[in-house]
Amino acid sequence: MRASDKVRSPCVSVCALDENDVCIGCHRTGDEILRWTQMTNDERRDVLRKVAKREEKVAL
């Protein structure tokens, strides 16, 4: 797999976990951040769907 085919990290370099263990910058959990490099593209896409839902809740 080429590097350009990998699902990219949503990291925005604002790294701090809130009281729910969710990063205030990228909205991933601490566990999702730690495991990101070992995840398959399908797993990463699943995390990105969860991130989108978390972002919606913050925007409300």
PDB file of N, CA and C in Angstrom:
ATOM      1  N   MET A   1       0.854  -1.185   0.000  1.00  0.00           N
ATOM      2  CA  MET A   1       0.000   0.000   0.000  1.00  0.00           C
ATOM      3  C   MET A   1       0.892   1.238   0.000  1.00  0.00           C
ATOM      4  N   ARG A   2       0.578   2.160  -0.847  1.00  0.00           N
ATOM      5  CA  ARG A   2       1.323   3.418  -0.907  1.00  0.00           C
ATOM      6  C   ARG A   2       0.904   4.308   0.259  1.00  0.00           C
ATOM      7  N   ALA A   3       1.797   5.172   0.680  1.00  0.00           N
ATOM      8  CA  ALA A   3       1.495   6.100   1.775  1.00  0.00           C
ATOM      9  C   ALA A   3       0.304   6.984   1.430  1.00  0.00           C
ATOM     10  N   SER A   4       0.153   7.310   0.147  1.00  0.00           N
ATOM     11  CA  SER A   4      -0.951   8.184  -0.268  1.00  0.00           C
ATOM     12  C   SER A   4      -2.311   7.488  -0.174  1.00  0.00           C
ATOM     13  N   ASP A   5      -2.305   6.154  -0.052  1.00  0.00           N
ATOM     14  CA  ASP A   5      -3.551   5.395   0.063  1.00  0.00           C
ATOM     15  C   ASP A   5      -4.050   5.285   1.504  1.00  0.00           C
ATOM     16  N   LYS A   6      -3.195   5.619   2.466  1.00  0.00           N
ATOM     17  CA  LYS A   6      -3.572   5.500   3.872  1.00  0.00           C
ATOM     18  C   LYS A   6      -4.564   6.584   4.264  1.00  0.00           C
ATOM     19  N   VAL A   7      -5.489   6.226   5.158  1.00  0.00           N
ATOM     20  CA  VAL A   7      -6.425   7.200   5.716  1.00  0.00           C
ATOM     21  C   VAL A   7      -5.627   8.070   6.681  1.00  0.00           C
ATOM     22  N   ARG A   8      -5.669   9.365   6.463  1.00  0.00           N
ATOM     23  CA  ARG A   8      -4.854  10.288   7.248  1.00  0.00           C
ATOM     24  C   ARG A   8      -5.460  10.564   8.618  1.00  0.00           C
ATOM     25  N   SER A   9      -4.582  10.855   9.537  1.00  0.00           N
ATOM     26  CA  SER A   9      -4.971  11.182  10.901  1.00  0.00           C
ATOM     27  C   SER A   9      -5.711  12.518  10.931  1.00  0.00           C
ATOM     28  N   PRO A  10      -6.720  12.634  11.790  1.00  0.00           N
ATOM     29  CA  PRO A  10      -7.430  13.905  11.920  1.00  0.00           C
ATOM     30  C   PRO A  10      -6.729  14.885  12.871  1.00  0.00           C
ATOM     31  N   CYS A  11      -5.526  14.563  13.308  1.00  0.00           N
ATOM     32  CA  CYS A  11      -4.793  15.401  14.263  1.00  0.00           C
ATOM     33  C   CYS A  11      -4.631  16.824  13.739  1.00  0.00           C
ATOM     34  N   VAL A  12      -4.910  17.791  14.612  1.00  0.00           N
ATOM     35  CA  VAL A  12      -4.742  19.208  14.268  1.00  0.00           C
ATOM     36  C   VAL A  12      -3.728  19.874  15.197  1.00  0.00           C
ATOM     37  N   SER A  13      -2.920  19.057  15.877  1.00  0.00           N
ATOM     38  CA  SER A  13      -1.862  19.521  16.781  1.00  0.00           C
ATOM     39  C   SER A  13      -2.372  20.368  17.944  1.00  0.00           C
ATOM     40  N   VAL A  14      -3.584  20.080  18.383  1.00  0.00           N
ATOM     41  CA  VAL A  14      -4.140  20.670  19.599  1.00  0.00           C
ATOM     42  C   VAL A  14      -4.437  19.472  20.499  1.00  0.00           C
ATOM     43  N   CYS A  15      -3.425  19.038  21.222  1.00  0.00           N
ATOM     44  CA  CYS A  15      -3.488  17.750  21.899  1.00  0.00           C
ATOM     45  C   CYS A  15      -3.731  17.908  23.398  1.00  0.00           C
ATOM     46  N   ALA A  16      -4.952  17.661  23.808  1.00  0.00           N
ATOM     47  CA  ALA A  16      -5.309  17.663  25.225  1.00  0.00           C
ATOM     48  C   ALA A  16      -6.582  16.847  25.383  1.00  0.00           C
ATOM     49  N   LEU A  17      -6.560  15.919  26.322  1.00  0.00           N
ATOM     50  CA  LEU A  17      -7.731  15.079  26.563  1.00  0.00           C
ATOM     51  C   LEU A  17      -8.649  15.748  27.573  1.00  0.00           C
ATOM     52  N   ASP A  18      -9.946  15.688  27.311  1.00  0.00           N
ATOM     53  CA  ASP A  18     -10.920  16.251  28.246  1.00  0.00           C
ATOM     54  C   ASP A  18     -11.251  15.223  29.328  1.00  0.00           C
ATOM     55  N   GLU A  19     -12.214  15.527  30.156  1.00  0.00           N
ATOM     56  CA  GLU A  19     -12.582  14.638  31.264  1.00  0.00           C
ATOM     57  C   GLU A  19     -13.162  13.299  30.795  1.00  0.00           C
ATOM     58  N   ASN A  20     -13.530  13.210  29.525  1.00  0.00           N
ATOM     59  CA  ASN A  20     -14.054  11.963  28.956  1.00  0.00           C
ATOM     60  C   ASN A  20     -13.008  11.191  28.155  1.00  0.00           C
ATOM     61  N   ASP A  21     -11.728  11.595  28.267  1.00  0.00           N
ATOM     62  CA  ASP A  21     -10.621  10.965  27.541  1.00  0.00           C
ATOM     63  C   ASP A  21     -10.742  11.164  26.032  1.00  0.00           C
ATOM     64  N   VAL A  22     -11.300  12.309  25.621  1.00  0.00           N
ATOM     65  CA  VAL A  22     -11.437  12.645  24.201  1.00  0.00           C
ATOM     66  C   VAL A  22     -10.587  13.884  23.929  1.00  0.00           C
ATOM     67  N   CYS A  23      -9.791  13.832  22.884  1.00  0.00           N
ATOM     68  CA  CYS A  23      -8.931  14.960  22.525  1.00  0.00           C
ATOM     69  C   CYS A  23      -9.784  16.152  22.096  1.00  0.00           C
ATOM     70  N   ILE A  24      -9.475  17.332  22.621  1.00  0.00           N
ATOM     71  CA  ILE A  24     -10.240  18.526  22.261  1.00  0.00           C
ATOM     72  C   ILE A  24      -9.910  19.021  20.854  1.00  0.00           C
ATOM     73  N   GLY A  25      -8.812  18.528  20.273  1.00  0.00           N
ATOM     74  CA  GLY A  25      -8.433  18.939  18.927  1.00  0.00           C
ATOM     75  C   GLY A  25      -9.007  18.058  17.831  1.00  0.00           C
ATOM     76  N   CYS A  26      -8.766  16.750  17.940  1.00  0.00           N
ATOM     77  CA  CYS A  26      -9.181  15.834  16.861  1.00  0.00           C
ATOM     78  C   CYS A  26     -10.402  14.993  17.212  1.00  0.00           C
ATOM     79  N   HIS A  27     -10.838  15.040  18.454  1.00  0.00           N
ATOM     80  CA  HIS A  27     -12.032  14.321  18.922  1.00  0.00           C
ATOM     81  C   HIS A  27     -11.889  12.804  18.920  1.00  0.00           C
ATOM     82  N   ARG A  28     -10.649  12.316  18.932  1.00  0.00           N
ATOM     83  CA  ARG A  28     -10.427  10.879  19.109  1.00  0.00           C
ATOM     84  C   ARG A  28     -10.204  10.604  20.591  1.00  0.00           C
ATOM     85  N   THR A  29     -10.502   9.372  21.005  1.00  0.00           N
ATOM     86  CA  THR A  29     -10.209   8.979  22.381  1.00  0.00           C
ATOM     87  C   THR A  29      -8.708   8.719  22.508  1.00  0.00           C
ATOM     88  N   GLY A  30      -8.251   8.681  23.745  1.00  0.00           N
ATOM     89  CA  GLY A  30      -6.842   8.375  23.972  1.00  0.00           C
ATOM     90  C   GLY A  30      -6.451   7.043  23.365  1.00  0.00           C
ATOM     91  N   ASP A  31      -7.310   6.040  23.503  1.00  0.00           N
ATOM     92  CA  ASP A  31      -7.045   4.724  22.932  1.00  0.00           C
ATOM     93  C   ASP A  31      -6.984   4.782  21.408  1.00  0.00           C
ATOM     94  N   GLU A  32      -7.890   5.515  20.784  1.00  0.00           N
ATOM     95  CA  GLU A  32      -7.889   5.631  19.314  1.00  0.00           C
ATOM     96  C   GLU A  32      -6.611   6.305  18.827  1.00  0.00           C
ATOM     97  N   ILE A  33      -6.144   7.293  19.565  1.00  0.00           N
ATOM     98  CA  ILE A  33      -4.903   7.978  19.198  1.00  0.00           C
ATOM     99  C   ILE A  33      -3.725   7.011  19.287  1.00  0.00           C
ATOM    100  N   LEU A  34      -3.650   6.279  20.402  1.00  0.00           N
ATOM    101  CA  LEU A  34      -2.540   5.343  20.598  1.00  0.00           C
ATOM    102  C   LEU A  34      -2.520   4.235  19.556  1.00  0.00           C
ATOM    103  N   ARG A  35      -3.676   3.743  19.160  1.00  0.00           N
ATOM    104  CA  ARG A  35      -3.755   2.610  18.229  1.00  0.00           C
ATOM    105  C   ARG A  35      -3.744   3.020  16.758  1.00  0.00           C
ATOM    106  N   TRP A  36      -3.838   4.310  16.437  1.00  0.00           N
ATOM    107  CA  TRP A  36      -4.012   4.784  15.069  1.00  0.00           C
ATOM    108  C   TRP A  36      -3.010   4.166  14.091  1.00  0.00           C
ATOM    109  N   THR A  37      -1.749   4.128  14.445  1.00  0.00           N
ATOM    110  CA  THR A  37      -0.741   3.639  13.495  1.00  0.00           C
ATOM    111  C   THR A  37      -0.849   2.149  13.221  1.00  0.00           C
ATOM    112  N   GLN A  38      -1.510   1.396  14.104  1.00  0.00           N
ATOM    113  CA  GLN A  38      -1.677  -0.036  13.887  1.00  0.00           C
ATOM    114  C   GLN A  38      -3.019  -0.383  13.235  1.00  0.00           C
ATOM    115  N   MET A  39      -3.888   0.584  13.081  1.00  0.00           N
ATOM    116  CA  MET A  39      -5.225   0.327  12.524  1.00  0.00           C
ATOM    117  C   MET A  39      -5.189   0.133  11.017  1.00  0.00           C
ATOM    118  N   THR A  40      -6.137  -0.664  10.546  1.00  0.00           N
ATOM    119  CA  THR A  40      -6.338  -0.790   9.102  1.00  0.00           C
ATOM    120  C   THR A  40      -7.085   0.463   8.620  1.00  0.00           C
ATOM    121  N   ASN A  41      -7.135   0.654   7.325  1.00  0.00           N
ATOM    122  CA  ASN A  41      -7.889   1.788   6.785  1.00  0.00           C
ATOM    123  C   ASN A  41      -9.368   1.705   7.152  1.00  0.00           C
ATOM    124  N   ASP A  42      -9.930   0.498   7.167  1.00  0.00           N
ATOM    125  CA  ASP A  42     -11.337   0.346   7.556  1.00  0.00           C
ATOM    126  C   ASP A  42     -11.547   0.757   9.004  1.00  0.00           C
ATOM    127  N   GLU A  43     -10.636   0.363   9.884  1.00  0.00           N
ATOM    128  CA  GLU A  43     -10.734   0.769  11.290  1.00  0.00           C
ATOM    129  C   GLU A  43     -10.609   2.284  11.429  1.00  0.00           C
ATOM    130  N   ARG A  44      -9.700   2.869  10.655  1.00  0.00           N
ATOM    131  CA  ARG A  44      -9.524   4.329  10.695  1.00  0.00           C
ATOM    132  C   ARG A  44     -10.789   5.045  10.218  1.00  0.00           C
ATOM    133  N   ARG A  45     -11.404   4.537   9.164  1.00  0.00           N
ATOM    134  CA  ARG A  45     -12.647   5.150   8.681  1.00  0.00           C
ATOM    135  C   ARG A  45     -13.742   5.068   9.737  1.00  0.00           C
ATOM    136  N   ASP A  46     -13.793   3.955  10.456  1.00  0.00           N
ATOM    137  CA  ASP A  46     -14.762   3.791  11.540  1.00  0.00           C
ATOM    138  C   ASP A  46     -14.509   4.843  12.623  1.00  0.00           C
ATOM    139  N   VAL A  47     -13.261   5.048  12.976  1.00  0.00           N
ATOM    140  CA  VAL A  47     -12.919   6.072  13.967  1.00  0.00           C
ATOM    141  C   VAL A  47     -13.330   7.451  13.455  1.00  0.00           C
ATOM    142  N   LEU A  48     -13.102   7.732  12.196  1.00  0.00           N
ATOM    143  CA  LEU A  48     -13.461   9.043  11.643  1.00  0.00           C
ATOM    144  C   LEU A  48     -14.974   9.270  11.664  1.00  0.00           C
ATOM    145  N   ARG A  49     -15.745   8.208  11.487  1.00  0.00           N
ATOM    146  CA  ARG A  49     -17.209   8.338  11.618  1.00  0.00           C
ATOM    147  C   ARG A  49     -17.577   8.693  13.062  1.00  0.00           C
ATOM    148  N   LYS A  50     -16.923   8.055  14.017  1.00  0.00           N
ATOM    149  CA  LYS A  50     -17.162   8.366  15.425  1.00  0.00           C
ATOM    150  C   LYS A  50     -16.734   9.797  15.742  1.00  0.00           C
ATOM    151  N   VAL A  51     -15.612  10.206  15.183  1.00  0.00           N
ATOM    152  CA  VAL A  51     -15.120  11.579  15.371  1.00  0.00           C
ATOM    153  C   VAL A  51     -16.151  12.579  14.871  1.00  0.00           C
ATOM    154  N   ALA A  52     -16.730  12.320  13.706  1.00  0.00           N
ATOM    155  CA  ALA A  52     -17.740  13.226  13.141  1.00  0.00           C
ATOM    156  C   ALA A  52     -18.933  13.369  14.080  1.00  0.00           C
ATOM    157  N   LYS A  53     -19.357  12.262  14.679  1.00  0.00           N
ATOM    158  CA  LYS A  53     -20.477  12.315  15.629  1.00  0.00           C
ATOM    159  C   LYS A  53     -20.103  13.106  16.873  1.00  0.00           C
ATOM    160  N   ARG A  54     -18.878  12.907  17.346  1.00  0.00           N
ATOM    161  CA  ARG A  54     -18.426  13.672  18.528  1.00  0.00           C
ATOM    162  C   ARG A  54     -18.355  15.162  18.223  1.00  0.00           C
ATOM    163  N   GLU A  55     -17.888  15.504  17.030  1.00  0.00           N
ATOM    164  CA  GLU A  55     -17.801  16.916  16.636  1.00  0.00           C
ATOM    165  C   GLU A  55     -19.184  17.544  16.580  1.00  0.00           C
ATOM    166  N   GLU A  56     -20.173  16.790  16.099  1.00  0.00           N
ATOM    167  CA  GLU A  56     -21.552  17.317  16.049  1.00  0.00           C
ATOM    168  C   GLU A  56     -22.040  17.679  17.447  1.00  0.00           C
ATOM    169  N   LYS A  57     -21.747  16.823  18.421  1.00  0.00           N
ATOM    170  CA  LYS A  57     -22.192  17.076  19.790  1.00  0.00           C
ATOM    171  C   LYS A  57     -21.545  18.336  20.356  1.00  0.00           C
ATOM    172  N   VAL A  58     -20.292  18.578  20.038  1.00  0.00           N
ATOM    173  CA  VAL A  58     -19.581  19.762  20.520  1.00  0.00           C
ATOM    174  C   VAL A  58     -20.153  21.023  19.879  1.00  0.00           C
ATOM    175  N   ALA A  59     -20.554  20.926  18.617  1.00  0.00           N
ATOM    176  CA  ALA A  59     -21.051  22.086  17.871  1.00  0.00           C
ATOM    177  C   ALA A  59     -22.438  22.541  18.356  1.00  0.00           C
ATOM    178  N   LEU A  60     -23.167  21.662  19.055  1.00  0.00           N
ATOM    179  CA  LEU A  60     -24.504  21.994  19.523  1.00  0.00           C
ATOM    180  C   LEU A  60     -24.503  22.958  20.680  1.00  0.00           C
TER     181      LEU A  60
END
